[in-house]
Amino acid sequence: MNHKHRKILHALFAHPVSANISARSVESVLKEMGAEIEQRHGGRWGVRLNEHFVEISHKSHSLSPMQVRQMAKFIKDTGIDAERDYPL
């Protein structure tokens, strides 16, 4: 994973929660981690990673703070630790 993707991954776990993270950037990071992403109807993604699944809306260009927290929880639930697995 390149440095740009690592910075985006760490931004998902930052406090306070960022409201300026591009949905396309998060999609690229998830793909780098091996996720399968399915475009769904109504501006939604279906994301499968390490036998976990989440569906998330991405109607705007950037994720809302709630969506950022949802993605961070999903990544954590898959067993990935950004600090341990993808240090800056």
C-alpha atoms as a PDB file:
ATOM      1  CA  MET A   1       0.000   0.000   0.000  1.00  0.00           C
ATOM      2  CA  ASN A   2       1.455   3.367  -0.958  1.00  0.00           C
ATOM      3  CA  HIS A   3       1.919   6.290   1.444  1.00  0.00           C
ATOM      4  CA  LYS A   4      -1.153   8.186   0.168  1.00  0.00           C
ATOM      5  CA  HIS A   5      -3.397   5.182   0.810  1.00  0.00           C
ATOM      6  CA  ARG A   6      -1.896   4.705   4.277  1.00  0.00           C
ATOM      7  CA  LYS A   7      -2.650   8.352   5.135  1.00  0.00           C
ATOM      8  CA  ILE A   8      -6.279   7.892   4.059  1.00  0.00           C
ATOM      9  CA  LEU A   9      -6.573   4.691   6.082  1.00  0.00           C
ATOM     10  CA  HIS A  10      -5.222   6.429   9.190  1.00  0.00           C
ATOM     11  CA  ALA A  11      -7.556   9.395   8.582  1.00  0.00           C
ATOM     12  CA  LEU A  12     -10.516   7.000   8.959  1.00  0.00           C
ATOM     13  CA  PHE A  13      -9.389   6.315  12.536  1.00  0.00           C
ATOM     14  CA  ALA A  14      -8.426   9.912  13.434  1.00  0.00           C
ATOM     15  CA  HIS A  15     -10.013  11.902  16.261  1.00  0.00           C
ATOM     16  CA  PRO A  16     -11.878  14.136  15.734  1.00  0.00           C
ATOM     17  CA  VAL A  17     -13.607  12.369  12.865  1.00  0.00           C
ATOM     18  CA  SER A  18     -12.851  13.926   9.497  1.00  0.00           C
ATOM     19  CA  ALA A  19     -15.685  14.945   7.171  1.00  0.00           C
ATOM     20  CA  ASN A  20     -13.394  15.515   4.214  1.00  0.00           C
ATOM     21  CA  ILE A  21     -12.416  12.016   3.079  1.00  0.00           C
ATOM     22  CA  SER A  22     -13.095  11.233  -0.564  1.00  0.00           C
ATOM     23  CA  ALA A  23     -15.319   8.221  -1.232  1.00  0.00           C
ATOM     24  CA  ARG A  24     -13.151   7.274  -4.237  1.00  0.00           C
ATOM     25  CA  SER A  25     -10.022   7.362  -2.064  1.00  0.00           C
ATOM     26  CA  VAL A  26     -11.624   5.050   0.489  1.00  0.00           C
ATOM     27  CA  GLU A  27     -12.657   2.727  -2.335  1.00  0.00           C
ATOM     28  CA  SER A  28      -9.023   2.606  -3.538  1.00  0.00           C
ATOM     29  CA  VAL A  29      -7.761   1.862  -0.013  1.00  0.00           C
ATOM     30  CA  LEU A  30     -10.277  -0.935   0.437  1.00  0.00           C
ATOM     31  CA  LYS A  31      -9.251  -2.485  -2.883  1.00  0.00           C
ATOM     32  CA  GLU A  32      -5.574  -2.287  -1.826  1.00  0.00           C
ATOM     33  CA  MET A  33      -6.489  -4.261   1.311  1.00  0.00           C
ATOM     34  CA  GLY A  34      -8.123  -6.943  -0.845  1.00  0.00           C
ATOM     35  CA  ALA A  35     -11.779  -5.943  -0.545  1.00  0.00           C
ATOM     36  CA  GLU A  36     -14.333  -6.830  -3.174  1.00  0.00           C
ATOM     37  CA  ILE A  37     -16.520  -3.806  -3.899  1.00  0.00           C
ATOM     38  CA  GLU A  38     -19.835  -4.073  -5.670  1.00  0.00           C
ATOM     39  CA  GLN A  39     -21.572  -0.943  -6.969  1.00  0.00           C
ATOM     40  CA  ARG A  40     -25.221  -1.118  -5.964  1.00  0.00           C
ATOM     41  CA  HIS A  41     -28.342   0.816  -6.842  1.00  0.00           C
ATOM     42  CA  GLY A  42     -28.886   4.227  -5.250  1.00  0.00           C
ATOM     43  CA  GLY A  43     -25.272   5.267  -4.723  1.00  0.00           C
ATOM     44  CA  ARG A  44     -24.355   2.380  -2.440  1.00  0.00           C
ATOM     45  CA  TRP A  45     -21.405   0.006  -2.205  1.00  0.00           C
ATOM     46  CA  GLY A  46     -21.383  -3.556  -1.017  1.00  0.00           C
ATOM     47  CA  VAL A  47     -17.949  -4.218   0.518  1.00  0.00           C
ATOM     48  CA  ARG A  48     -16.650  -7.689   1.383  1.00  0.00           C
ATOM     49  CA  LEU A  49     -13.336  -8.038   3.220  1.00  0.00           C
ATOM     50  CA  ASN A  50     -12.004 -10.979   5.256  1.00  0.00           C
ATOM     51  CA  GLU A  51     -15.425 -12.680   5.288  1.00  0.00           C
ATOM     52  CA  HIS A  52     -17.139  -9.507   6.608  1.00  0.00           C
ATOM     53  CA  PHE A  53     -19.684  -7.466   4.666  1.00  0.00           C
ATOM     54  CA  VAL A  54     -20.959  -3.903   4.913  1.00  0.00           C
ATOM     55  CA  GLU A  55     -23.206  -1.820   2.697  1.00  0.00           C
ATOM     56  CA  ILE A  56     -22.544   1.902   2.695  1.00  0.00           C
ATOM     57  CA  SER A  57     -24.077   4.861   0.897  1.00  0.00           C
ATOM     58  CA  HIS A  58     -21.763   7.273  -0.901  1.00  0.00           C
ATOM     59  CA  LYS A  59     -24.133   9.695  -2.608  1.00  0.00           C
ATOM     60  CA  SER A  60     -21.747  12.639  -2.220  1.00  0.00           C
ATOM     61  CA  HIS A  61     -18.073  12.925  -3.122  1.00  0.00           C
ATOM     62  CA  SER A  62     -16.898  12.784   0.476  1.00  0.00           C
ATOM     63  CA  LEU A  63     -17.976  10.576   3.355  1.00  0.00           C
ATOM     64  CA  SER A  64     -19.929  12.030   6.256  1.00  0.00           C
ATOM     65  CA  PRO A  65     -18.527  11.623   9.777  1.00  0.00           C
ATOM     66  CA  MET A  66     -21.061   8.833  10.391  1.00  0.00           C
ATOM     67  CA  GLN A  67     -19.883   6.997   7.265  1.00  0.00           C
ATOM     68  CA  VAL A  68     -16.243   7.471   8.286  1.00  0.00           C
ATOM     69  CA  ARG A  69     -16.986   5.897  11.685  1.00  0.00           C
ATOM     70  CA  GLN A  70     -18.884   3.062   9.952  1.00  0.00           C
ATOM     71  CA  MET A  71     -15.908   2.334   7.658  1.00  0.00           C
ATOM     72  CA  ALA A  72     -13.443   2.476  10.567  1.00  0.00           C
ATOM     73  CA  LYS A  73     -15.581   0.026  12.570  1.00  0.00           C
ATOM     74  CA  PHE A  74     -15.890  -2.284   9.558  1.00  0.00           C
ATOM     75  CA  ILE A  75     -12.123  -2.289   8.971  1.00  0.00           C
ATOM     76  CA  LYS A  76     -11.457  -2.920  12.664  1.00  0.00           C
ATOM     77  CA  ASP A  77     -14.023  -5.757  12.718  1.00  0.00           C
ATOM     78  CA  THR A  78     -12.201  -7.477   9.836  1.00  0.00           C
ATOM     79  CA  GLY A  79      -9.122  -7.793  12.038  1.00  0.00           C
ATOM     80  CA  ILE A  80      -7.073  -5.059  10.406  1.00  0.00           C
ATOM     81  CA  ASP A  81      -5.221  -2.679  12.705  1.00  0.00           C
ATOM     82  CA  ALA A  82      -4.038   0.374  10.758  1.00  0.00           C
ATOM     83  CA  GLU A  83      -1.176   1.100  13.180  1.00  0.00           C
ATOM     84  CA  ARG A  84       0.079  -2.481  13.226  1.00  0.00           C
ATOM     85  CA  ASP A  85      -0.607  -3.603   9.654  1.00  0.00           C
ATOM     86  CA  TYR A  86      -0.091  -0.345   7.725  1.00  0.00           C
ATOM     87  CA  PRO A  87       2.134   2.038   9.741  1.00  0.00           C
ATOM     88  CA  LEU A  88       2.824   5.503   8.372  1.00  0.00           C
END
